[in-house]
Protein backbone atom coordinates (compact mmCIF):
# COMPACT_ATOMS: atom_id res chain seq x y z
CA MET A 1 102.05 87.69 89.19
CA GLU A 2 104.16 90.30 90.10
CA PRO A 3 103.13 93.65 91.66
CA THR A 4 102.31 96.02 88.80
CA PRO A 5 105.02 99.08 87.88
CA ASP A 6 103.69 102.19 89.57
CA LYS A 7 102.72 103.79 86.33
CA ALA A 8 101.12 101.17 85.25
CA LEU A 9 99.46 100.74 88.49
CA GLU A 10 98.37 104.13 88.82
CA SER A 11 96.38 103.90 85.04
CA LEU A 12 94.63 100.95 86.13
CA LEU A 13 93.86 102.11 89.14
CA GLU A 14 91.90 105.70 87.14
CA ARG A 15 90.53 103.47 85.06
CA TYR A 16 88.95 101.22 88.07
CA GLY A 17 87.45 104.51 89.69
CA ALA A 18 86.06 105.21 86.31
CA LEU A 19 84.49 102.22 85.69
CA VAL A 20 83.07 102.53 89.67
CA LEU A 21 81.52 105.84 88.44
CA GLU A 22 80.02 104.89 85.48
CA ALA A 23 78.53 101.54 87.77
CA ASN A 24 77.37 103.58 89.98
CA ARG A 25 75.16 105.90 87.62
CA ARG A 26 72.87 102.04 87.56
CA VAL A 27 73.34 100.85 90.81
CA ASN A 28 74.43 101.82 94.38
CA LEU A 29 77.95 100.57 94.44
CA THR A 30 79.46 103.66 96.92
CA ALA A 31 78.19 106.75 98.41
CA ALA A 32 81.58 108.41 96.18
CA LYS A 33 80.27 110.02 93.60
CA SER A 34 83.42 111.84 92.00
CA ALA A 35 87.12 111.23 91.12
CA PRO A 36 88.55 112.64 94.45
CA GLU A 37 86.34 110.58 96.33
CA ILE A 38 86.64 107.71 94.43
CA SER A 39 90.71 108.26 94.51
CA GLU A 40 90.29 108.35 98.67
CA HIS A 41 88.45 105.03 98.66
CA ILE A 42 91.25 103.73 96.60
CA LEU A 43 93.90 105.29 98.54
CA ASP A 44 92.99 103.12 101.37
CA SER A 45 92.06 100.41 99.76
CA LEU A 46 95.66 100.79 99.21
CA SER A 47 96.76 100.28 102.99
CA VAL A 48 95.94 96.55 103.56
CA VAL A 49 98.80 96.08 100.92
CA PRO A 50 101.61 94.72 103.06
CA PHE A 51 99.40 91.69 105.28
CA LEU A 52 98.29 90.72 101.85
CA ARG A 53 99.13 86.56 100.55
CA GLU A 54 97.39 84.54 98.83
CA PRO A 55 94.93 82.92 98.86
CA TYR A 56 92.82 86.04 99.54
CA VAL A 57 88.80 86.68 100.33
CA ASP A 58 87.08 89.83 100.88
CA VAL A 59 83.79 89.50 102.12
CA GLY A 60 80.89 92.24 101.77
CA SER A 61 83.42 93.57 98.69
CA GLY A 62 80.59 96.14 97.03
CA GLY A 63 82.01 97.78 94.70
CA GLY A 64 85.58 96.47 94.91
CA PHE A 65 87.57 98.17 97.59
CA PRO A 66 89.63 96.75 99.08
CA ALA A 67 89.77 93.40 96.87
CA ILE A 68 90.20 95.47 93.48
CA PRO A 69 92.58 98.07 93.89
CA ALA A 70 95.00 96.10 96.17
CA ALA A 71 94.71 93.10 93.65
CA LEU A 72 96.17 95.64 90.87
CA ALA A 73 99.28 96.70 93.41
CA THR A 74 99.81 93.03 94.15
CA GLY A 75 98.91 91.15 91.20
CA ILE A 76 97.39 88.34 93.66
CA GLY A 77 94.38 86.89 93.04
CA VAL A 78 91.41 87.18 94.84
CA THR A 79 87.87 85.91 96.08
CA MET A 80 85.24 88.27 96.39
CA ILE A 81 82.32 87.38 98.55
CA GLU A 82 79.38 89.70 97.80
CA ALA A 83 75.99 89.14 98.41
CA THR A 84 73.45 91.53 95.99
CA ALA A 85 73.91 89.23 92.47
CA LYS A 86 73.72 92.65 91.03
CA LYS A 87 76.82 93.97 92.60
CA ALA A 88 78.52 90.65 91.86
CA ARG A 89 78.04 90.69 88.54
CA ILE A 90 79.59 94.23 88.42
CA LEU A 91 82.29 93.11 90.39
CA ALA A 92 83.11 90.35 87.66
CA SER A 93 82.77 92.60 85.04
CA PHE A 94 85.27 94.74 86.35
CA CYS A 95 88.05 91.70 87.05
CA GLU A 96 87.45 91.03 83.82
CA ARG A 97 88.06 94.51 81.96
CA LEU A 98 91.34 95.04 84.64
CA GLY A 99 93.13 91.49 84.55
CA ILE A 100 92.18 90.60 88.15
CA ARG A 101 91.93 86.94 88.35
CA ALA A 102 89.23 86.58 90.70
CA THR A 103 86.56 84.19 92.05
CA ILE A 104 83.45 85.98 92.84
CA VAL A 105 80.89 84.31 94.92
CA ALA A 106 77.28 86.06 95.07
CA GLU A 107 76.44 84.83 98.81
CA ARG A 108 76.03 86.01 101.85
CA ALA A 109 79.23 85.27 104.22
CA GLU A 110 77.43 83.84 106.24
CA THR A 111 76.68 81.23 104.04
CA ALA A 112 79.36 81.12 102.28
CA ALA A 113 81.62 80.65 105.29
CA HIS A 114 80.65 77.12 105.99
CA ARG A 115 81.33 76.12 102.33
CA PRO A 116 84.04 73.32 102.04
CA ASP A 117 85.54 74.74 99.52
CA LEU A 118 86.06 78.29 101.36
CA ARG A 119 86.08 77.37 105.45
CA GLU A 120 89.71 78.21 106.64
CA GLN A 121 91.40 78.32 102.83
CA PHE A 122 92.78 81.64 103.32
CA ALA A 123 95.86 82.84 104.06
CA SER A 124 94.63 86.46 104.09
CA GLY A 125 91.49 88.59 104.34
CA THR A 126 89.41 91.84 104.26
CA ALA A 127 86.77 92.97 105.40
CA ARG A 128 86.37 96.90 105.05
CA ALA A 129 82.95 98.89 106.04
CA VAL A 130 80.94 96.08 106.52
CA ALA A 131 79.85 95.53 110.41
CA ALA A 132 80.54 96.23 113.75
CA PRO A 133 84.13 95.60 114.64
CA ALA A 134 83.45 92.21 116.38
CA ALA A 135 80.13 91.30 113.95
CA ALA A 136 83.09 91.94 110.95
CA ALA A 137 85.58 89.95 112.52
CA GLU A 138 82.63 86.96 113.00
CA LEU A 139 81.89 86.89 108.87
CA LEU A 140 85.74 87.33 107.82
CA LEU A 141 87.70 84.88 110.24
CA PRO A 142 86.14 81.40 109.49
CA LEU A 143 86.94 81.98 106.43
CA VAL A 144 90.78 82.30 107.19
CA ALA A 145 93.19 79.37 107.27
CA VAL A 146 94.85 78.32 110.90
CA GLY A 147 98.49 80.92 110.84
CA GLY A 148 96.52 83.10 108.23
CA VAL A 149 95.52 86.90 108.79
CA ALA A 150 92.11 89.14 108.81
CA ILE A 151 92.16 92.52 108.17
CA LEU A 152 89.71 94.79 109.56
CA GLN A 153 89.69 98.06 107.97
CA LEU A 154 88.12 99.79 110.88
CA GLY A 155 87.18 103.62 111.78
CA LEU A 156 87.74 104.67 114.95
CA SER A 157 85.62 103.22 118.21
CA ASP A 158 85.42 103.40 121.74
CA ASP A 159 86.36 100.52 124.94
CA GLU A 160 83.25 98.62 124.44
CA ASP A 161 83.78 98.28 120.54
CA ARG A 162 87.22 96.98 121.57
CA THR A 163 86.68 95.24 124.59
CA ALA A 164 83.95 93.44 121.81
CA LEU A 165 86.16 92.55 119.11
CA GLU A 166 89.44 91.84 121.24
CA GLY A 167 86.61 88.80 123.13
CA ALA A 168 85.15 88.00 119.82
CA CYS A 169 88.50 86.89 118.23
CA LEU A 170 89.06 84.61 120.76
CA MET A 171 85.99 82.74 120.62
CA LEU A 172 86.37 82.60 117.01
CA GLY A 173 89.83 81.63 116.56
CA GLY A 174 92.18 84.83 116.28
CA ARG A 175 93.78 87.53 118.12
CA ILE A 176 94.80 90.53 117.49
CA GLU A 177 98.60 91.38 116.53
CA SER A 178 99.01 95.00 115.30
CA GLU A 179 96.85 97.80 115.20
CA SER A 180 97.53 100.80 113.14
CA ALA A 181 96.29 104.29 112.07
CA ALA A 182 95.21 104.42 108.16
CA GLY A 183 94.21 108.28 108.32
CA GLU A 184 92.96 110.74 110.62
CA ARG A 185 89.80 108.53 111.44
CA ARG A 186 91.03 105.26 110.02
CA ARG A 187 92.66 101.79 111.37
CA VAL A 188 93.89 98.98 110.13
CA VAL A 189 93.47 96.21 112.64
CA LEU A 190 95.54 92.64 112.11
CA VAL A 191 93.87 89.71 113.36
CA ARG A 192 96.15 86.77 113.47
CA LYS A 193 93.94 82.94 113.40
CA ILE A 194 95.18 80.78 115.73
CA GLU A 195 93.36 77.59 116.24
CA PRO A 196 90.26 76.75 113.79
CA THR A 197 86.63 78.11 114.38
CA GLN A 198 84.00 76.17 115.38
CA GLN A 199 81.91 74.96 113.41
CA ARG A 200 79.12 77.60 114.91
CA PHE A 201 80.05 79.82 113.45
CA PRO A 202 79.33 82.29 111.94
CA ARG A 203 75.59 82.33 113.13
CA ARG A 204 72.64 82.39 110.78
CA PRO A 205 72.48 85.28 108.11
CA GLY A 206 71.89 88.93 109.73
CA ILE A 207 72.67 87.70 113.53
CA PRO A 208 76.32 88.66 113.30
CA ALA A 209 75.48 91.96 112.37
CA LYS A 210 72.18 92.15 114.42
CA ARG A 211 73.40 90.75 117.92
CA PRO A 212 77.71 90.87 117.60
CA LEU A 213 80.00 88.89 119.91
CA CYS A 214 80.56 90.14 122.96
CA ALA A 215 78.70 93.71 122.75
CA ALA A 216 76.82 94.71 125.89
CA GLY A 217 73.94 94.77 123.79
CA PRO A 218 72.46 95.38 119.91
CA ARG A 219 74.58 97.28 118.05
CA LYS A 220 73.45 98.78 114.62
CA THR A 221 75.61 97.97 111.98
CA ALA A 222 78.54 100.47 111.76
CA GLU A 223 79.86 102.37 108.63
CA VAL A 224 83.43 103.51 109.06
CA PRO A 225 83.76 106.79 109.60
CA GLY A 226 85.15 108.72 106.25
CA VAL A 227 84.87 105.40 104.19
CA SER A 228 81.06 105.15 103.76
CA ARG A 229 81.10 102.38 100.82
């Protein structure tokens, strides 16, 4: 499918934003409560578009950021992994109404990443405001094929987070390839998958967030500054 022309894309993104606000009255999909706030999330989501390749997976999809705006902009299909069944059903409804080719997996990423039909099957993957950087890498990299790229949308981090992410990526078969700013308080980190991930990763549900790889100590799951879900 070809990328959506600009005017048609703008209309689709506006429709998506309206769907999120409507659904958000019933289910807590995102902290954004107004059209301008939703627009900020959409714009931030589009920052991953230059790096996407099909097949594409998104981990911890929540209300659909960045997967749905990215799919609308590129025309590619997407597999969305969302542990909360109610949110997964809403995502499926969004995709049907917006004409997106999507597979919704209503499982925790720690479990889904051990499925043979999903493990190391994707050329690109995204994780946005899911967990601390090293934990996000552990959830996403096992799904990415060797040669593919994991796209981490992160907030500003300290040296400890950066060191933990670098070490975690190496343990998971990845290598940080580049880092770029996406606004004043956000960044996009590209991690290239250079070798298969050891079968023991990701660890049991909840463990990556509670005990991120290579971290100096237990870290709380972190919201990305300016990118609350």
